[in-house]
């Protein structure tokens, strides 16, 4: 498995989740009104629903082990067990977005991109502003800026991209215009 991390401030970890696990995760979520959680989340996204975090943990366990190894390389310290505390699916539509925010009541946060429609890929490819990642991109930023300082990472996600990061890392997702729906699953973890 290939894993990536960026040399700046906090550990920002990315790994590609295989189709087998993506298929298993797709079976965990539905648009059930009794699982609606958008009222407690930061995003301007209408359809966000609770997902079984215990099952997410089981499916992602091999990737979490790679994260723990990367954590050790980054901080030169072992990471005890990490346990998912909550998870939810985001069905993002045109004009919706997640503003700059952090997560609370957890130690680590994550996002897994399940579905990136072709229309959105084409819209992002046409984007020419070098100051942002473009429509549908995800951005991570520290609160610090200055000359010769990498304060952020912006990237247009691909299907299977799984990011993990400290809960306090500011992150946001840019809106898009294409008439399509992008699906991602977010999860929070505690260190035990």
C-alpha atoms as a PDB file:
ATOM      1  CA  UNK A   1       0.000   0.000   0.000  1.00  0.00           C
ATOM      2  CA  UNK A   2       1.254   3.463  -0.836  1.00  0.00           C
ATOM      3  CA  UNK A   3       0.915   6.127   1.832  1.00  0.00           C
ATOM      4  CA  UNK A   4       1.648   9.827   1.602  1.00  0.00           C
ATOM      5  CA  UNK A   5       2.436  12.463   4.183  1.00  0.00           C
ATOM      6  CA  UNK A   6       3.408  16.099   3.878  1.00  0.00           C
ATOM      7  CA  UNK A   7       6.307  17.748   5.671  1.00  0.00           C
ATOM      8  CA  UNK A   8       4.572  20.609   7.460  1.00  0.00           C
ATOM      9  CA  UNK A   9       3.080  21.254  10.899  1.00  0.00           C
ATOM     10  CA  UNK A  10       0.700  18.458  11.821  1.00  0.00           C
ATOM     11  CA  UNK A  11       0.708  15.026  10.231  1.00  0.00           C
ATOM     12  CA  UNK A  12      -1.577  15.084   7.194  1.00  0.00           C
ATOM     13  CA  UNK A  13      -1.901  11.476   6.053  1.00  0.00           C
ATOM     14  CA  UNK A  14      -3.397  10.190   2.805  1.00  0.00           C
ATOM     15  CA  UNK A  15      -3.780   6.638   1.559  1.00  0.00           C
ATOM     16  CA  UNK A  16      -5.789   5.013  -1.233  1.00  0.00           C
ATOM     17  CA  UNK A  17      -8.575   2.690  -0.064  1.00  0.00           C
ATOM     18  CA  UNK A  18      -9.109  -0.251  -2.419  1.00  0.00           C
ATOM     19  CA  UNK A  19     -12.401  -0.900  -4.266  1.00  0.00           C
ATOM     20  CA  UNK A  20     -13.167  -3.952  -2.110  1.00  0.00           C
ATOM     21  CA  UNK A  21     -13.309  -1.836   1.047  1.00  0.00           C
ATOM     22  CA  UNK A  22     -15.139   1.011  -0.733  1.00  0.00           C
ATOM     23  CA  UNK A  23     -17.836  -1.475  -1.758  1.00  0.00           C
ATOM     24  CA  UNK A  24     -18.164  -2.684   1.857  1.00  0.00           C
ATOM     25  CA  UNK A  25     -18.458   0.897   3.130  1.00  0.00           C
ATOM     26  CA  UNK A  26     -21.116   1.774   0.521  1.00  0.00           C
ATOM     27  CA  UNK A  27     -23.340  -0.889   2.100  1.00  0.00           C
ATOM     28  CA  UNK A  28     -23.200   0.904   5.473  1.00  0.00           C
ATOM     29  CA  UNK A  29     -25.038   4.115   4.612  1.00  0.00           C
ATOM     30  CA  UNK A  30     -28.554   5.111   3.563  1.00  0.00           C
ATOM     31  CA  UNK A  31     -30.587   8.296   3.306  1.00  0.00           C
ATOM     32  CA  UNK A  32     -32.699   7.431   6.311  1.00  0.00           C
ATOM     33  CA  UNK A  33     -34.384  10.441   7.961  1.00  0.00           C
ATOM     34  CA  UNK A  34     -33.818   8.942  11.415  1.00  0.00           C
ATOM     35  CA  UNK A  35     -30.036   9.058  10.769  1.00  0.00           C
ATOM     36  CA  UNK A  36     -29.922  12.683   9.593  1.00  0.00           C
ATOM     37  CA  UNK A  37     -27.071  14.562  11.349  1.00  0.00           C
ATOM     38  CA  UNK A  38     -26.658  17.763   9.299  1.00  0.00           C
ATOM     39  CA  UNK A  39     -28.007  19.889  12.160  1.00  0.00           C
ATOM     40  CA  UNK A  40     -24.896  19.144  14.259  1.00  0.00           C
ATOM     41  CA  UNK A  41     -22.253  19.518  11.522  1.00  0.00           C
ATOM     42  CA  UNK A  42     -20.466  22.588  10.148  1.00  0.00           C
ATOM     43  CA  UNK A  43     -21.269  22.082   6.493  1.00  0.00           C
ATOM     44  CA  UNK A  44     -23.819  23.646   4.227  1.00  0.00           C
ATOM     45  CA  UNK A  45     -24.791  20.183   3.001  1.00  0.00           C
ATOM     46  CA  UNK A  46     -28.437  19.111   3.110  1.00  0.00           C
ATOM     47  CA  UNK A  47     -27.948  15.338   3.107  1.00  0.00           C
ATOM     48  CA  UNK A  48     -25.596  14.073   5.855  1.00  0.00           C
ATOM     49  CA  UNK A  49     -26.426  10.825   7.645  1.00  0.00           C
ATOM     50  CA  UNK A  50     -24.978   8.804  10.505  1.00  0.00           C
ATOM     51  CA  UNK A  51     -22.957   5.707   9.566  1.00  0.00           C
ATOM     52  CA  UNK A  52     -22.015   2.772  11.816  1.00  0.00           C
ATOM     53  CA  UNK A  53     -18.589   3.875  13.093  1.00  0.00           C
ATOM     54  CA  UNK A  54     -17.769   0.429  14.518  1.00  0.00           C
ATOM     55  CA  UNK A  55     -18.124  -1.135  11.059  1.00  0.00           C
ATOM     56  CA  UNK A  56     -16.119   1.702   9.458  1.00  0.00           C
ATOM     57  CA  UNK A  57     -13.328   0.962  11.948  1.00  0.00           C
ATOM     58  CA  UNK A  58     -13.329  -2.752  11.075  1.00  0.00           C
ATOM     59  CA  UNK A  59     -13.195  -2.126   7.325  1.00  0.00           C
ATOM     60  CA  UNK A  60     -10.479   0.532   7.577  1.00  0.00           C
ATOM     61  CA  UNK A  61      -8.314  -1.323  10.128  1.00  0.00           C
ATOM     62  CA  UNK A  62      -5.460  -2.171   7.680  1.00  0.00           C
ATOM     63  CA  UNK A  63      -5.259   1.496   6.647  1.00  0.00           C
ATOM     64  CA  UNK A  64      -5.341   2.640  10.272  1.00  0.00           C
ATOM     65  CA  UNK A  65      -2.325   0.403  10.941  1.00  0.00           C
ATOM     66  CA  UNK A  66      -0.429   2.167   8.138  1.00  0.00           C
ATOM     67  CA  UNK A  67      -1.475   5.486   9.702  1.00  0.00           C
ATOM     68  CA  UNK A  68      -0.076   4.376  13.083  1.00  0.00           C
ATOM     69  CA  UNK A  69       3.239   3.449  11.459  1.00  0.00           C
ATOM     70  CA  UNK A  70       3.372   6.811   9.683  1.00  0.00           C
ATOM     71  CA  UNK A  71       2.515   8.561  12.962  1.00  0.00           C
ATOM     72  CA  UNK A  72       5.494   6.855  14.563  1.00  0.00           C
ATOM     73  CA  UNK A  73       7.793   8.044  11.742  1.00  0.00           C
ATOM     74  CA  UNK A  74       6.418  11.593  11.923  1.00  0.00           C
ATOM     75  CA  UNK A  75       6.376  12.134  15.712  1.00  0.00           C
ATOM     76  CA  UNK A  76       8.953   9.508  16.739  1.00  0.00           C
ATOM     77  CA  UNK A  77       6.451   8.165  19.243  1.00  0.00           C
ATOM     78  CA  UNK A  78       4.081   5.195  19.187  1.00  0.00           C
ATOM     79  CA  UNK A  79       0.371   5.787  18.793  1.00  0.00           C
ATOM     80  CA  UNK A  80      -1.839   3.751  21.115  1.00  0.00           C
ATOM     81  CA  UNK A  81      -5.044   2.284  19.819  1.00  0.00           C
ATOM     82  CA  UNK A  82      -7.385   4.570  17.938  1.00  0.00           C
ATOM     83  CA  UNK A  83     -11.127   4.011  18.036  1.00  0.00           C
ATOM     84  CA  UNK A  84     -13.786   5.498  15.782  1.00  0.00           C
ATOM     85  CA  UNK A  85     -16.316   7.470  17.825  1.00  0.00           C
ATOM     86  CA  UNK A  86     -18.673   8.607  15.056  1.00  0.00           C
ATOM     87  CA  UNK A  87     -19.035   8.564  11.278  1.00  0.00           C
ATOM     88  CA  UNK A  88     -21.338  10.120   8.704  1.00  0.00           C
ATOM     89  CA  UNK A  89     -21.868  10.209   4.952  1.00  0.00           C
ATOM     90  CA  UNK A  90     -22.003  13.474   2.968  1.00  0.00           C
ATOM     91  CA  UNK A  91     -24.037  13.648  -0.248  1.00  0.00           C
ATOM     92  CA  UNK A  92     -22.668  16.909  -1.670  1.00  0.00           C
ATOM     93  CA  UNK A  93     -24.619  18.657  -4.440  1.00  0.00           C
ATOM     94  CA  UNK A  94     -24.013  21.810  -6.541  1.00  0.00           C
ATOM     95  CA  UNK A  95     -23.514  24.942  -4.422  1.00  0.00           C
ATOM     96  CA  UNK A  96     -22.996  23.030  -1.179  1.00  0.00           C
ATOM     97  CA  UNK A  97     -19.734  23.283   0.755  1.00  0.00           C
ATOM     98  CA  UNK A  98     -17.978  22.798   4.073  1.00  0.00           C
ATOM     99  CA  UNK A  99     -16.643  26.116   5.442  1.00  0.00           C
ATOM    100  CA  UNK A 100     -13.292  26.285   7.290  1.00  0.00           C
ATOM    101  CA  UNK A 101     -13.785  24.309  10.497  1.00  0.00           C
ATOM    102  CA  UNK A 102     -12.266  21.856  12.967  1.00  0.00           C
ATOM    103  CA  UNK A 103     -13.835  18.863  14.686  1.00  0.00           C
ATOM    104  CA  UNK A 104     -14.391  18.681  18.429  1.00  0.00           C
ATOM    105  CA  UNK A 105     -14.832  15.927  21.002  1.00  0.00           C
ATOM    106  CA  UNK A 106     -12.224  13.720  19.299  1.00  0.00           C
ATOM    107  CA  UNK A 107      -8.463  13.402  18.772  1.00  0.00           C
ATOM    108  CA  UNK A 108      -8.274  12.624  15.047  1.00  0.00           C
ATOM    109  CA  UNK A 109     -10.535  13.284  12.069  1.00  0.00           C
ATOM    110  CA  UNK A 110     -10.792  11.696   8.654  1.00  0.00           C
ATOM    111  CA  UNK A 111     -12.551  11.829   5.317  1.00  0.00           C
ATOM    112  CA  UNK A 112     -12.861   9.119   2.674  1.00  0.00           C
ATOM    113  CA  UNK A 113     -13.981  10.034  -0.837  1.00  0.00           C
ATOM    114  CA  UNK A 114     -16.375   7.379  -2.146  1.00  0.00           C
ATOM    115  CA  UNK A 115     -17.657   8.835  -5.423  1.00  0.00           C
ATOM    116  CA  UNK A 116     -16.301  11.659  -7.628  1.00  0.00           C
ATOM    117  CA  UNK A 117     -18.584  12.152 -10.665  1.00  0.00           C
ATOM    118  CA  UNK A 118     -17.060  12.728 -14.119  1.00  0.00           C
ATOM    119  CA  UNK A 119     -18.888  16.078 -14.450  1.00  0.00           C
ATOM    120  CA  UNK A 120     -17.118  17.349 -11.332  1.00  0.00           C
ATOM    121  CA  UNK A 121     -13.740  16.076 -12.549  1.00  0.00           C
ATOM    122  CA  UNK A 122     -14.215  17.993 -15.808  1.00  0.00           C
ATOM    123  CA  UNK A 123     -15.283  21.170 -13.969  1.00  0.00           C
ATOM    124  CA  UNK A 124     -12.200  21.043 -11.748  1.00  0.00           C
ATOM    125  CA  UNK A 125      -9.880  20.369 -14.687  1.00  0.00           C
ATOM    126  CA  UNK A 126     -11.066  23.612 -16.352  1.00  0.00           C
ATOM    127  CA  UNK A 127     -10.201  25.626 -13.213  1.00  0.00           C
ATOM    128  CA  UNK A 128      -7.266  27.979 -13.839  1.00  0.00           C
ATOM    129  CA  UNK A 129      -6.858  29.850 -10.537  1.00  0.00           C
ATOM    130  CA  UNK A 130      -3.529  28.780  -9.072  1.00  0.00           C
ATOM    131  CA  UNK A 131      -4.478  30.183  -5.650  1.00  0.00           C
ATOM    132  CA  UNK A 132      -6.943  27.404  -4.896  1.00  0.00           C
ATOM    133  CA  UNK A 133      -7.595  23.754  -5.599  1.00  0.00           C
ATOM    134  CA  UNK A 134     -10.719  24.599  -7.566  1.00  0.00           C
ATOM    135  CA  UNK A 135     -14.303  23.359  -7.462  1.00  0.00           C
ATOM    136  CA  UNK A 136     -14.804  20.368  -5.186  1.00  0.00           C
ATOM    137  CA  UNK A 137     -11.288  20.527  -3.760  1.00  0.00           C
ATOM    138  CA  UNK A 138     -10.386  19.829  -0.150  1.00  0.00           C
ATOM    139  CA  UNK A 139      -8.077  22.222   1.692  1.00  0.00           C
ATOM    140  CA  UNK A 140      -6.113  21.877   4.921  1.00  0.00           C
ATOM    141  CA  UNK A 141      -4.621  24.962   6.572  1.00  0.00           C
ATOM    142  CA  UNK A 142      -2.687  25.826   9.677  1.00  0.00           C
ATOM    143  CA  UNK A 143      -3.344  29.139  11.379  1.00  0.00           C
ATOM    144  CA  UNK A 144       0.244  30.222  10.738  1.00  0.00           C
ATOM    145  CA  UNK A 145       1.446  32.049   7.631  1.00  0.00           C
ATOM    146  CA  UNK A 146       4.603  33.777   6.491  1.00  0.00           C
ATOM    147  CA  UNK A 147       7.399  33.764   3.965  1.00  0.00           C
ATOM    148  CA  UNK A 148       8.930  30.358   3.286  1.00  0.00           C
ATOM    149  CA  UNK A 149       6.130  28.649   5.202  1.00  0.00           C
ATOM    150  CA  UNK A 150       3.848  25.952   3.851  1.00  0.00           C
ATOM    151  CA  UNK A 151       0.604  26.834   5.580  1.00  0.00           C
ATOM    152  CA  UNK A 152      -1.698  24.545   3.649  1.00  0.00           C
ATOM    153  CA  UNK A 153      -2.394  21.723   1.250  1.00  0.00           C
ATOM    154  CA  UNK A 154      -5.125  21.858  -1.401  1.00  0.00           C
ATOM    155  CA  UNK A 155      -6.058  18.926  -3.562  1.00  0.00           C
ATOM    156  CA  UNK A 156      -8.844  17.708  -5.772  1.00  0.00           C
ATOM    157  CA  UNK A 157      -9.721  14.272  -4.368  1.00  0.00           C
ATOM    158  CA  UNK A 158      -9.949  10.990  -6.215  1.00  0.00           C
ATOM    159  CA  UNK A 159     -12.193   8.049  -5.387  1.00  0.00           C
ATOM    160  CA  UNK A 160     -10.673   6.075  -2.527  1.00  0.00           C
ATOM    161  CA  UNK A 161      -8.610   8.947  -1.100  1.00  0.00           C
ATOM    162  CA  UNK A 162      -8.616   8.576   2.692  1.00  0.00           C
ATOM    163  CA  UNK A 163      -7.228  11.469   4.732  1.00  0.00           C
ATOM    164  CA  UNK A 164      -6.479  11.437   8.474  1.00  0.00           C
ATOM    165  CA  UNK A 165      -5.398  14.459  10.492  1.00  0.00           C
ATOM    166  CA  UNK A 166      -5.524  16.019  13.984  1.00  0.00           C
ATOM    167  CA  UNK A 167      -9.018  17.201  14.932  1.00  0.00           C
ATOM    168  CA  UNK A 168      -7.777  20.803  15.223  1.00  0.00           C
ATOM    169  CA  UNK A 169      -6.428  21.068  11.663  1.00  0.00           C
ATOM    170  CA  UNK A 170      -8.565  23.623   9.834  1.00  0.00           C
ATOM    171  CA  UNK A 171     -10.082  22.128   6.698  1.00  0.00           C
ATOM    172  CA  UNK A 172     -12.786  22.953   4.187  1.00  0.00           C
ATOM    173  CA  UNK A 173     -14.334  21.758   0.939  1.00  0.00           C
ATOM    174  CA  UNK A 174     -15.001  24.109  -1.980  1.00  0.00           C
ATOM    175  CA  UNK A 175     -18.393  24.173  -3.710  1.00  0.00           C
ATOM    176  CA  UNK A 176     -18.924  23.117  -7.310  1.00  0.00           C
ATOM    177  CA  UNK A 177     -21.511  23.930 -10.009  1.00  0.00           C
ATOM    178  CA  UNK A 178     -21.817  20.670 -11.938  1.00  0.00           C
ATOM    179  CA  UNK A 179     -25.197  18.958 -11.676  1.00  0.00           C
ATOM    180  CA  UNK A 180     -24.012  15.842  -9.900  1.00  0.00           C
ATOM    181  CA  UNK A 181     -23.541  14.391  -6.417  1.00  0.00           C
ATOM    182  CA  UNK A 182     -20.239  13.641  -4.697  1.00  0.00           C
ATOM    183  CA  UNK A 183     -20.194  11.168  -1.808  1.00  0.00           C
ATOM    184  CA  UNK A 184     -17.722  11.132   1.070  1.00  0.00           C
ATOM    185  CA  UNK A 185     -17.636   9.529   4.508  1.00  0.00           C
ATOM    186  CA  UNK A 186     -16.156  11.365   7.483  1.00  0.00           C
ATOM    187  CA  UNK A 187     -15.167   9.735  10.779  1.00  0.00           C
ATOM    188  CA  UNK A 188     -13.713  10.910  14.082  1.00  0.00           C
ATOM    189  CA  UNK A 189     -11.369   8.887  16.285  1.00  0.00           C
ATOM    190  CA  UNK A 190     -10.142   8.946  19.868  1.00  0.00           C
ATOM    191  CA  UNK A 191      -6.695   7.833  20.997  1.00  0.00           C
ATOM    192  CA  UNK A 192      -6.975   5.218  23.762  1.00  0.00           C
END
